[in-house]
Amino acid sequence: MSITLELPRIDIGALKTQAYWLNNKTVTQYSEQRHKTHTTNTQLQYIRSFIEHRDNILREIHLDKELIGTVSAYIDTHNRVADVGILIGPDFQGKGHGYSAWSTFCEILFDTLNMRRIEGGCMAANAPMIKLFRKYGMQEEGRRLSHFSFEGSYSDLVLFGRFR
C-alpha cells in the first residue's frame, strides 16, 4: 500500500466523495468546515480557487488508486512560508495515512519549492492533529485563547511551525 499525492481531479465522483466527507460531522468536528454545507459545486469552487491562485497548492491523497483525502498549502512566496492543512476521509483516519501524506507533502515544499518554514494550526481539542504536528517535528509556537466555539464552550487555536 502506497500513498501518492496527485493533482485534483474535476470529476463528479471525486467531488461527491469530498463533499460527503466535508458534511460528515465526525470528519469535521474540529474544523471550521463544520459550520457549512458542502456540495459538489462548493467543492468545485474550492478546487478552482487553487487553480486561480497558482501560489497555493492542493493535492488529492491516494492510497494505491483510491482517493482518501486532500492536503493543501497556502504559500507566502515572499517569506517562503507554507500554511498546510489536511483532510482524511472517515474510513482512513487513525491508520497513519495522514502522517505519511503530510510528511511527503511538506518535504516536497521544503525540497522542491524551497520553503523555509511550514506552519499549521488547529483546535486544541484536536488531539490527532496535534499528534501529527509533533510527530513531524513541529513546535507549538503560540495560542489564541478561546478562539473556537466548541461543544458549548471554547477551545484554543494552537499554532505550530517547523523550519527547514
C-alpha atoms as a PDB file:
ATOM      1  CA  MET A   1       0.000   0.000   0.000  1.00  0.00           C
ATOM      2  CA  SER A   2       1.480   3.311  -1.007  1.00  0.00           C
ATOM      3  CA  ILE A   3       0.414   6.920  -0.573  1.00  0.00           C
ATOM      4  CA  THR A   4       0.611   9.233  -3.587  1.00  0.00           C
ATOM      5  CA  LEU A   5      -0.204  12.907  -3.971  1.00  0.00           C
ATOM      6  CA  GLU A   6      -1.954  13.815  -7.203  1.00  0.00           C
ATOM      7  CA  LEU A   7      -3.419  16.875  -8.881  1.00  0.00           C
ATOM      8  CA  PRO A   8      -7.101  17.267  -8.013  1.00  0.00           C
ATOM      9  CA  ARG A   9      -9.498  15.653 -10.433  1.00  0.00           C
ATOM     10  CA  ILE A  10     -12.525  17.547 -11.530  1.00  0.00           C
ATOM     11  CA  ASP A  11     -14.855  14.595 -11.883  1.00  0.00           C
ATOM     12  CA  ILE A  12     -18.213  14.060 -10.256  1.00  0.00           C
ATOM     13  CA  GLY A  13     -17.111  11.010  -8.261  1.00  0.00           C
ATOM     14  CA  ALA A  14     -14.219  12.790  -6.555  1.00  0.00           C
ATOM     15  CA  LEU A  15     -16.318  15.904  -5.934  1.00  0.00           C
ATOM     16  CA  LYS A  16     -19.140  13.844  -4.382  1.00  0.00           C
ATOM     17  CA  THR A  17     -16.689  11.962  -2.167  1.00  0.00           C
ATOM     18  CA  GLN A  18     -15.073  15.136  -0.881  1.00  0.00           C
ATOM     19  CA  ALA A  19     -18.437  16.851  -0.285  1.00  0.00           C
ATOM     20  CA  TYR A  20     -19.586  13.756   1.626  1.00  0.00           C
ATOM     21  CA  TRP A  21     -16.503  13.907   3.860  1.00  0.00           C
ATOM     22  CA  LEU A  22     -16.960  17.617   4.498  1.00  0.00           C
ATOM     23  CA  ASN A  23     -20.597  17.080   5.506  1.00  0.00           C
ATOM     24  CA  ASN A  24     -19.603  14.255   7.878  1.00  0.00           C
ATOM     25  CA  LYS A  25     -19.767  15.729  11.389  1.00  0.00           C
ATOM     26  CA  THR A  26     -17.158  13.290  12.700  1.00  0.00           C
ATOM     27  CA  VAL A  27     -14.643  14.228   9.996  1.00  0.00           C
ATOM     28  CA  THR A  28     -15.112  17.964  10.502  1.00  0.00           C
ATOM     29  CA  GLN A  29     -15.758  18.013  14.257  1.00  0.00           C
ATOM     30  CA  TYR A  30     -12.639  20.168  14.863  1.00  0.00           C
ATOM     31  CA  SER A  31     -12.800  22.128  11.606  1.00  0.00           C
ATOM     32  CA  GLU A  32     -14.499  25.389  10.765  1.00  0.00           C
ATOM     33  CA  GLN A  33     -15.922  23.454   7.802  1.00  0.00           C
ATOM     34  CA  ARG A  34     -18.417  22.012  10.301  1.00  0.00           C
ATOM     35  CA  HIS A  35     -20.407  25.248  10.033  1.00  0.00           C
ATOM     36  CA  LYS A  36     -21.021  24.921   6.284  1.00  0.00           C
ATOM     37  CA  THR A  37     -22.997  22.713   3.947  1.00  0.00           C
ATOM     38  CA  HIS A  38     -20.879  21.303   1.152  1.00  0.00           C
ATOM     39  CA  THR A  39     -21.944  20.265  -2.343  1.00  0.00           C
ATOM     40  CA  THR A  40     -20.154  19.133  -5.476  1.00  0.00           C
ATOM     41  CA  ASN A  41     -20.408  22.749  -6.622  1.00  0.00           C
ATOM     42  CA  THR A  42     -18.781  24.207  -3.493  1.00  0.00           C
ATOM     43  CA  GLN A  43     -16.030  21.620  -3.781  1.00  0.00           C
ATOM     44  CA  LEU A  44     -15.508  22.515  -7.439  1.00  0.00           C
ATOM     45  CA  GLN A  45     -15.232  26.194  -6.443  1.00  0.00           C
ATOM     46  CA  TYR A  46     -12.646  25.247  -3.807  1.00  0.00           C
ATOM     47  CA  ILE A  47     -10.529  23.364  -6.355  1.00  0.00           C
ATOM     48  CA  ARG A  48     -10.827  26.252  -8.818  1.00  0.00           C
ATOM     49  CA  SER A  49      -9.589  28.665  -6.137  1.00  0.00           C
ATOM     50  CA  PHE A  50      -6.280  26.780  -6.175  1.00  0.00           C
ATOM     51  CA  ILE A  51      -6.115  26.861  -9.962  1.00  0.00           C
ATOM     52  CA  GLU A  52      -6.713  30.626  -9.952  1.00  0.00           C
ATOM     53  CA  HIS A  53      -4.109  31.272  -7.232  1.00  0.00           C
ATOM     54  CA  ARG A  54      -1.146  29.347  -8.549  1.00  0.00           C
ATOM     55  CA  ASP A  55       0.987  30.075  -5.482  1.00  0.00           C
ATOM     56  CA  ASN A  56      -1.312  27.804  -3.471  1.00  0.00           C
ATOM     57  CA  ILE A  57      -1.269  24.035  -3.823  1.00  0.00           C
ATOM     58  CA  LEU A  58      -3.954  21.366  -3.498  1.00  0.00           C
ATOM     59  CA  ARG A  59      -3.308  17.654  -3.896  1.00  0.00           C
ATOM     60  CA  GLU A  60      -5.501  14.603  -3.589  1.00  0.00           C
ATOM     61  CA  ILE A  61      -4.169  11.851  -1.360  1.00  0.00           C
ATOM     62  CA  HIS A  62      -4.480   8.373  -2.842  1.00  0.00           C
ATOM     63  CA  LEU A  63      -3.869   5.040  -1.180  1.00  0.00           C
ATOM     64  CA  ASP A  64      -2.919   2.866  -4.088  1.00  0.00           C
ATOM     65  CA  LYS A  65      -5.500   4.289  -6.517  1.00  0.00           C
ATOM     66  CA  GLU A  66      -8.240   5.175  -4.036  1.00  0.00           C
ATOM     67  CA  LEU A  67      -8.942   8.789  -3.036  1.00  0.00           C
ATOM     68  CA  ILE A  68      -8.588   9.027   0.743  1.00  0.00           C
ATOM     69  CA  GLY A  69      -8.099  12.734   1.393  1.00  0.00           C
ATOM     70  CA  THR A  70      -6.648  16.080   0.408  1.00  0.00           C
ATOM     71  CA  VAL A  71      -3.693  18.169   1.516  1.00  0.00           C
ATOM     72  CA  SER A  72      -3.219  21.853   0.764  1.00  0.00           C
ATOM     73  CA  ALA A  73      -0.771  24.700   1.244  1.00  0.00           C
ATOM     74  CA  TYR A  74      -1.310  28.424   1.176  1.00  0.00           C
ATOM     75  CA  ILE A  75       2.057  29.792   0.118  1.00  0.00           C
ATOM     76  CA  ASP A  76       3.557  33.097   1.201  1.00  0.00           C
ATOM     77  CA  THR A  77       6.130  33.339  -1.596  1.00  0.00           C
ATOM     78  CA  HIS A  78       7.827  36.496  -0.291  1.00  0.00           C
ATOM     79  CA  ASN A  79       8.623  34.873   3.047  1.00  0.00           C
ATOM     80  CA  ARG A  80       8.897  31.269   1.741  1.00  0.00           C
ATOM     81  CA  VAL A  81       6.321  30.018   4.252  1.00  0.00           C
ATOM     82  CA  ALA A  82       3.623  27.392   3.662  1.00  0.00           C
ATOM     83  CA  ASP A  83       0.494  27.092   5.816  1.00  0.00           C
ATOM     84  CA  VAL A  84      -0.517  23.442   5.403  1.00  0.00           C
ATOM     85  CA  GLY A  85      -3.821  21.679   6.076  1.00  0.00           C
ATOM     86  CA  ILE A  86      -5.080  18.141   5.584  1.00  0.00           C
ATOM     87  CA  LEU A  87      -8.383  16.250   5.378  1.00  0.00           C
ATOM     88  CA  ILE A  88      -8.572  12.454   5.587  1.00  0.00           C
ATOM     89  CA  GLY A  89     -11.769  10.570   4.775  1.00  0.00           C
ATOM     90  CA  PRO A  90     -13.516   8.800   7.666  1.00  0.00           C
ATOM     91  CA  ASP A  91     -12.623   5.248   6.614  1.00  0.00           C
ATOM     92  CA  PHE A  92      -8.917   6.073   6.504  1.00  0.00           C
ATOM     93  CA  GLN A  93      -8.360   8.047   9.710  1.00  0.00           C
ATOM     94  CA  GLY A  94      -6.141   6.747  12.505  1.00  0.00           C
ATOM     95  CA  LYS A  95      -4.090   4.459  10.248  1.00  0.00           C
ATOM     96  CA  GLY A  96      -1.018   6.618   9.653  1.00  0.00           C
ATOM     97  CA  HIS A  97      -2.051   7.698   6.159  1.00  0.00           C
ATOM     98  CA  GLY A  98      -2.435  11.338   7.164  1.00  0.00           C
ATOM     99  CA  TYR A  99       1.082  11.491   8.581  1.00  0.00           C
ATOM    100  CA  SER A 100       2.505   9.774   5.519  1.00  0.00           C
ATOM    101  CA  ALA A 101       0.802  12.266   3.186  1.00  0.00           C
ATOM    102  CA  TRP A 102       1.688  15.234   5.419  1.00  0.00           C
ATOM    103  CA  SER A 103       5.370  14.383   5.659  1.00  0.00           C
ATOM    104  CA  THR A 104       5.641  13.656   1.922  1.00  0.00           C
ATOM    105  CA  PHE A 105       3.888  16.913   1.035  1.00  0.00           C
ATOM    106  CA  CYS A 106       5.935  19.027   3.440  1.00  0.00           C
ATOM    107  CA  GLU A 107       9.207  17.523   2.230  1.00  0.00           C
ATOM    108  CA  ILE A 108       8.213  18.472  -1.331  1.00  0.00           C
ATOM    109  CA  LEU A 109       7.513  22.002  -0.122  1.00  0.00           C
ATOM    110  CA  PHE A 110      10.926  22.189   1.566  1.00  0.00           C
ATOM    111  CA  ASP A 111      12.978  20.469  -1.125  1.00  0.00           C
ATOM    112  CA  THR A 112      11.286  21.330  -4.414  1.00  0.00           C
ATOM    113  CA  LEU A 113       9.697  24.706  -3.667  1.00  0.00           C
ATOM    114  CA  ASN A 114      12.455  25.849  -1.311  1.00  0.00           C
ATOM    115  CA  MET A 115      10.084  26.757   1.523  1.00  0.00           C
ATOM    116  CA  ARG A 116      11.983  27.713   4.652  1.00  0.00           C
ATOM    117  CA  ARG A 117       9.069  27.140   7.019  1.00  0.00           C
ATOM    118  CA  ILE A 118       5.910  25.041   7.386  1.00  0.00           C
ATOM    119  CA  GLU A 119       3.062  26.305   9.571  1.00  0.00           C
ATOM    120  CA  GLY A 120      -0.229  24.872  10.702  1.00  0.00           C
ATOM    121  CA  GLY A 121      -2.844  25.364  13.341  1.00  0.00           C
ATOM    122  CA  CYS A 122      -5.758  23.517  14.864  1.00  0.00           C
ATOM    123  CA  MET A 123      -8.244  23.482  17.680  1.00  0.00           C
ATOM    124  CA  ALA A 124      -6.635  22.461  20.984  1.00  0.00           C
ATOM    125  CA  ALA A 125      -9.254  19.707  21.267  1.00  0.00           C
ATOM    126  CA  ASN A 126      -7.944  18.131  18.025  1.00  0.00           C
ATOM    127  CA  ALA A 127      -5.540  15.637  19.611  1.00  0.00           C
ATOM    128  CA  PRO A 128      -4.902  13.653  16.378  1.00  0.00           C
ATOM    129  CA  MET A 129      -3.737  16.769  14.511  1.00  0.00           C
ATOM    130  CA  ILE A 130      -1.541  17.897  17.394  1.00  0.00           C
ATOM    131  CA  LYS A 131      -0.006  14.418  17.443  1.00  0.00           C
ATOM    132  CA  LEU A 132       0.705  14.681  13.693  1.00  0.00           C
ATOM    133  CA  PHE A 133       2.309  18.130  14.085  1.00  0.00           C
ATOM    134  CA  ARG A 134       4.569  16.896  16.870  1.00  0.00           C
ATOM    135  CA  LYS A 135       5.483  13.671  15.074  1.00  0.00           C
ATOM    136  CA  TYR A 136       6.583  15.757  12.077  1.00  0.00           C
ATOM    137  CA  GLY A 137       8.834  17.803  14.367  1.00  0.00           C
ATOM    138  CA  MET A 138       6.711  20.926  14.504  1.00  0.00           C
ATOM    139  CA  GLN A 139       6.868  23.020  17.654  1.00  0.00           C
ATOM    140  CA  GLU A 140       3.983  24.713  19.387  1.00  0.00           C
ATOM    141  CA  GLU A 141       4.582  28.421  18.853  1.00  0.00           C
ATOM    142  CA  GLY A 142       1.546  30.046  20.353  1.00  0.00           C
ATOM    143  CA  ARG A 143      -2.141  30.012  21.111  1.00  0.00           C
ATOM    144  CA  ARG A 144      -5.143  32.164  20.505  1.00  0.00           C
ATOM    145  CA  LEU A 145      -7.060  31.593  23.697  1.00  0.00           C
ATOM    146  CA  SER A 146     -10.716  30.553  23.479  1.00  0.00           C
ATOM    147  CA  HIS A 147     -10.665  31.159  19.720  1.00  0.00           C
ATOM    148  CA  PHE A 148     -13.198  28.479  18.718  1.00  0.00           C
ATOM    149  CA  SER A 149     -16.721  27.923  19.953  1.00  0.00           C
ATOM    150  CA  PHE A 150     -16.793  24.186  20.562  1.00  0.00           C
ATOM    151  CA  GLU A 151     -19.368  21.909  22.190  1.00  0.00           C
ATOM    152  CA  GLY A 152     -20.903  24.616  24.374  1.00  0.00           C
ATOM    153  CA  SER A 153     -17.556  26.010  25.466  1.00  0.00           C
ATOM    154  CA  TYR A 154     -14.415  27.424  23.865  1.00  0.00           C
ATOM    155  CA  SER A 155     -11.178  25.889  22.636  1.00  0.00           C
ATOM    156  CA  ASP A 156      -7.832  27.494  21.873  1.00  0.00           C
ATOM    157  CA  LEU A 157      -6.306  27.754  18.416  1.00  0.00           C
ATOM    158  CA  VAL A 158      -2.879  26.119  18.721  1.00  0.00           C
ATOM    159  CA  LEU A 159      -0.220  27.266  16.237  1.00  0.00           C
ATOM    160  CA  PHE A 160       2.675  25.038  15.164  1.00  0.00           C
ATOM    161  CA  GLY A 161       5.700  25.594  12.952  1.00  0.00           C
ATOM    162  CA  ARG A 162       8.849  23.959  11.686  1.00  0.00           C
ATOM    163  CA  PHE A 163      11.815  25.449   9.905  1.00  0.00           C
ATOM    164  CA  ARG A 164      13.607  23.688   7.061  1.00  0.00           C
END
